[in-house]
Protein backbone atom coordinates (compact mmCIF):
# COMPACT_ATOMS: atom_id res chain seq x y z
CA MET A 1 133.29 -137.25 37.44
CA ALA A 2 135.05 -140.12 35.62
CA GLU A 3 133.63 -142.75 33.33
CA GLY A 4 131.72 -145.37 35.62
CA PHE A 5 130.84 -143.02 38.44
CA GLU A 6 127.88 -144.08 40.49
CA GLU A 7 125.14 -141.69 39.35
CA ILE A 8 123.05 -141.38 42.45
CA GLU A 9 126.26 -140.62 44.64
CA LEU A 10 126.84 -137.58 42.41
CA ILE A 11 123.28 -136.38 41.67
CA ALA A 12 121.84 -136.65 45.05
CA PRO A 13 124.42 -134.55 46.98
CA ALA A 14 124.61 -132.02 44.01
CA ASP A 15 120.84 -131.63 44.10
CA ILE A 16 120.70 -131.35 47.82
CA LEU A 17 123.63 -128.56 47.87
CA ARG A 18 121.89 -126.63 45.09
CA ARG A 19 118.58 -126.68 46.98
CA LEU A 20 120.56 -125.28 49.93
CA GLY A 21 121.87 -122.48 47.76
CA VAL A 22 125.41 -123.84 47.36
CA SER A 23 127.16 -123.29 44.05
CA VAL A 24 128.11 -126.64 42.70
CA THR A 25 130.34 -127.40 39.79
CA LEU A 26 130.45 -130.73 38.20
CA ALA A 27 133.93 -131.31 36.92
CA GLY A 28 134.79 -133.89 34.29
CA VAL A 29 138.19 -135.72 34.53
CA ASP A 30 138.56 -136.75 31.05
CA GLY A 31 135.89 -134.99 29.04
CA SER A 32 132.85 -132.81 29.24
CA THR A 33 130.36 -135.66 28.79
CA VAL A 34 130.81 -138.41 31.19
CA ARG A 35 128.85 -141.70 31.30
CA GLY A 36 128.11 -143.23 34.79
CA ALA A 37 127.95 -146.83 35.72
CA HIS A 38 124.33 -147.25 34.70
CA GLY A 39 124.68 -145.53 31.36
CA ILE A 40 123.42 -141.98 32.36
CA CYS A 41 125.45 -139.42 30.74
CA LEU A 42 126.12 -136.15 32.59
CA HIS A 43 127.56 -132.94 31.17
CA ALA A 44 130.47 -131.52 33.16
CA ASP A 45 130.24 -127.71 33.90
CA GLN A 46 134.08 -127.66 33.37
CA LEU A 47 137.05 -129.89 33.14
CA LEU A 48 139.02 -130.94 36.13
CA ASP A 49 142.27 -129.30 34.85
CA ALA A 50 140.41 -125.85 35.20
CA VAL A 51 139.69 -126.49 38.90
CA SER A 52 141.81 -124.98 41.56
CA ALA A 53 141.48 -125.76 45.38
CA GLU A 54 141.42 -122.02 46.09
CA GLU A 55 138.10 -121.65 44.31
CA TYR A 56 136.17 -124.08 46.19
CA ASP A 57 134.98 -124.77 49.70
CA ALA A 58 134.55 -128.46 49.30
CA VAL A 59 135.28 -131.48 46.97
CA ILE A 60 132.93 -134.35 46.63
CA VAL A 61 134.26 -137.76 45.15
CA PRO A 62 131.56 -140.17 43.91
CA GLY A 63 132.26 -143.84 43.94
CA GLY A 64 131.48 -146.62 41.64
CA GLY A 65 133.94 -148.04 39.13
CA ALA A 66 135.38 -144.58 38.56
CA ALA A 67 137.05 -144.70 42.03
CA TRP A 68 139.91 -147.00 40.74
CA ALA A 69 140.64 -144.47 37.81
CA LEU A 70 140.40 -141.54 40.18
CA ALA A 71 142.83 -143.26 42.65
CA LYS A 72 145.47 -143.22 39.86
CA ASN A 73 144.83 -139.65 38.49
CA GLN A 74 147.39 -137.38 39.73
CA ARG A 75 145.38 -134.28 39.02
CA VAL A 76 142.59 -135.64 41.38
CA LEU A 77 145.09 -136.71 44.09
CA GLN A 78 146.63 -133.30 43.98
CA LEU A 79 143.40 -131.57 44.26
CA LEU A 80 142.62 -133.59 47.25
CA ARG A 81 146.04 -132.86 48.81
CA ASP A 82 145.55 -129.08 48.19
CA MET A 83 142.05 -129.12 49.84
CA HIS A 84 143.42 -131.16 52.85
CA ALA A 85 146.35 -128.75 53.24
CA ALA A 86 143.87 -125.83 53.30
CA ARG A 87 141.98 -127.11 56.42
CA PRO A 88 140.04 -125.92 58.36
CA ASN A 89 138.49 -123.95 55.46
CA LYS A 90 137.87 -126.88 53.17
CA LEU A 91 135.69 -130.03 53.16
CA ILE A 92 136.53 -133.34 51.56
CA ALA A 93 133.73 -135.70 50.96
CA ALA A 94 133.74 -139.27 49.43
CA ILE A 95 131.22 -142.10 49.12
CA CYS A 96 131.21 -145.72 48.32
CA ALA A 97 134.53 -146.78 46.89
CA ALA A 98 135.79 -143.30 46.83
CA PRO A 99 137.42 -143.13 50.20
CA MET A 100 140.10 -145.31 48.69
CA VAL A 101 140.74 -142.19 46.49
CA LEU A 102 141.36 -140.25 49.73
CA ALA A 103 143.60 -143.12 50.95
CA ALA A 104 145.63 -142.88 47.69
CA ALA A 105 145.91 -139.04 48.06
CA GLY A 106 147.30 -139.42 51.61
CA VAL A 107 144.67 -137.33 53.14
CA LEU A 108 143.29 -139.81 55.70
CA SER A 109 144.81 -140.49 59.15
CA ARG A 110 144.34 -143.29 61.75
CA GLU A 111 142.44 -140.86 63.95
CA GLN A 112 139.72 -140.35 61.44
CA GLN A 113 136.77 -142.61 61.33
CA VAL A 114 135.49 -143.21 57.81
CA THR A 115 133.09 -145.54 56.05
CA CYS A 116 133.17 -146.95 52.53
CA TYR A 117 131.57 -149.52 50.39
CA PRO A 118 132.05 -153.06 51.98
CA LEU A 119 134.10 -154.37 49.20
CA PRO A 120 137.38 -156.06 50.47
CA GLU A 121 139.75 -154.20 48.22
CA VAL A 122 138.24 -150.83 49.18
CA MET A 123 137.92 -151.72 52.86
CA GLN A 124 141.73 -152.81 52.81
CA ALA A 125 142.85 -149.68 51.22
CA VAL A 126 140.84 -147.45 53.55
CA SER A 127 141.57 -149.42 56.93
CA ALA A 128 145.27 -149.31 56.26
CA VAL A 129 145.26 -145.52 56.84
CA ALA A 130 142.07 -144.73 58.81
CA THR A 131 139.67 -146.20 61.29
CA LEU A 132 136.98 -147.94 59.41
CA THR A 133 133.34 -148.00 60.68
CA GLN A 134 130.13 -149.60 59.31
CA ALA A 135 128.09 -146.48 59.77
CA PRO A 136 126.13 -145.40 56.55
CA VAL A 137 127.52 -141.79 56.88
CA VAL A 138 130.41 -140.49 58.93
CA ARG A 139 131.02 -136.93 59.64
CA GLY A 140 134.38 -136.01 60.95
CA GLU A 141 136.62 -132.93 61.22
CA HIS A 142 136.65 -131.43 57.60
CA LEU A 143 135.67 -134.92 56.18
CA VAL A 144 132.34 -136.60 55.36
CA THR A 145 132.23 -140.23 54.01
CA GLY A 146 129.31 -142.48 52.99
CA MET A 147 128.99 -146.21 52.69
CA GLY A 148 127.26 -146.63 49.28
CA PRO A 149 124.46 -145.67 46.85
CA ALA A 150 121.64 -146.21 49.25
CA CYS A 151 123.30 -143.69 51.52
CA ALA A 152 123.50 -140.91 48.85
CA LEU A 153 120.71 -138.71 50.26
CA ASP A 154 121.98 -138.81 53.83
CA PHE A 155 125.65 -138.28 52.58
CA GLY A 156 124.35 -135.16 50.76
CA PHE A 157 122.56 -133.88 53.92
CA ALA A 158 125.65 -134.33 55.88
CA VAL A 159 127.82 -132.44 53.28
CA GLY A 160 125.19 -129.79 53.34
CA ALA A 161 125.20 -129.50 57.20
CA GLU A 162 128.98 -129.04 57.05
CA LEU A 163 128.78 -126.35 54.41
CA VAL A 164 125.67 -124.39 55.59
CA GLY A 165 124.71 -125.56 58.98
CA ALA A 166 122.30 -128.03 60.49
CA ASP A 167 119.32 -125.75 60.67
CA GLN A 168 119.13 -125.23 56.93
CA VAL A 169 119.55 -128.97 56.35
CA SER A 170 116.83 -129.74 58.98
CA GLN A 171 114.51 -127.36 57.05
CA LEU A 172 115.39 -129.01 53.75
CA CYS A 173 114.76 -132.38 55.25
CA ARG A 174 111.29 -131.40 56.18
CA ASP A 175 110.64 -129.73 52.81
CA MET A 176 111.74 -132.96 51.04
CA CYS A 177 109.76 -135.12 53.49
CA ALA A 178 113.08 -136.85 54.65
CA GLU A 179 113.05 -135.80 58.30
CA ALA A 180 112.51 -139.46 59.27
CA THR A 181 115.83 -140.54 57.80
CA CYS A 182 117.87 -137.39 57.59
CA THR A 183 121.24 -137.75 59.30
CA GLY A 184 122.72 -134.54 58.15
CA SER A 185 121.44 -132.43 60.98
């Protein structure tokens, strides 16, 4: 989390993953209390400096205004590179403007289909290194991307499907009354 992150893009996937029994750590880039784009403050479980790629199976990068700061943060970029280097055992996920952070880290390739927020600056950064689609959520090999805030639940379901399997996500979708819109399974 960095100042200006899009709250729903962090909270929805974290909530879904915790409902699926996945341990989730909220990591703050610059401090333990981080204010989102709409003034909601969240407390980080730990600082990003204490996070190591070896400890985690996945990293999720939320979008919003924070994406520009994250794309310049060397610690964030190195974490993404480390996760990418550890494939196939690691998953990288980014939503909204955050796929441009993946582009800045050099973890995207032309063979990958990704989606992102339809802001020209973001689309240009992503399409320069990957194949850009207009899908709400795109699942690829060791990568999940989401278009924007309205896609946060489906993005979370897709990340969950990658981590625990489609069957568990399908059951969660039913439990949450989301089966009509769930794309994670």
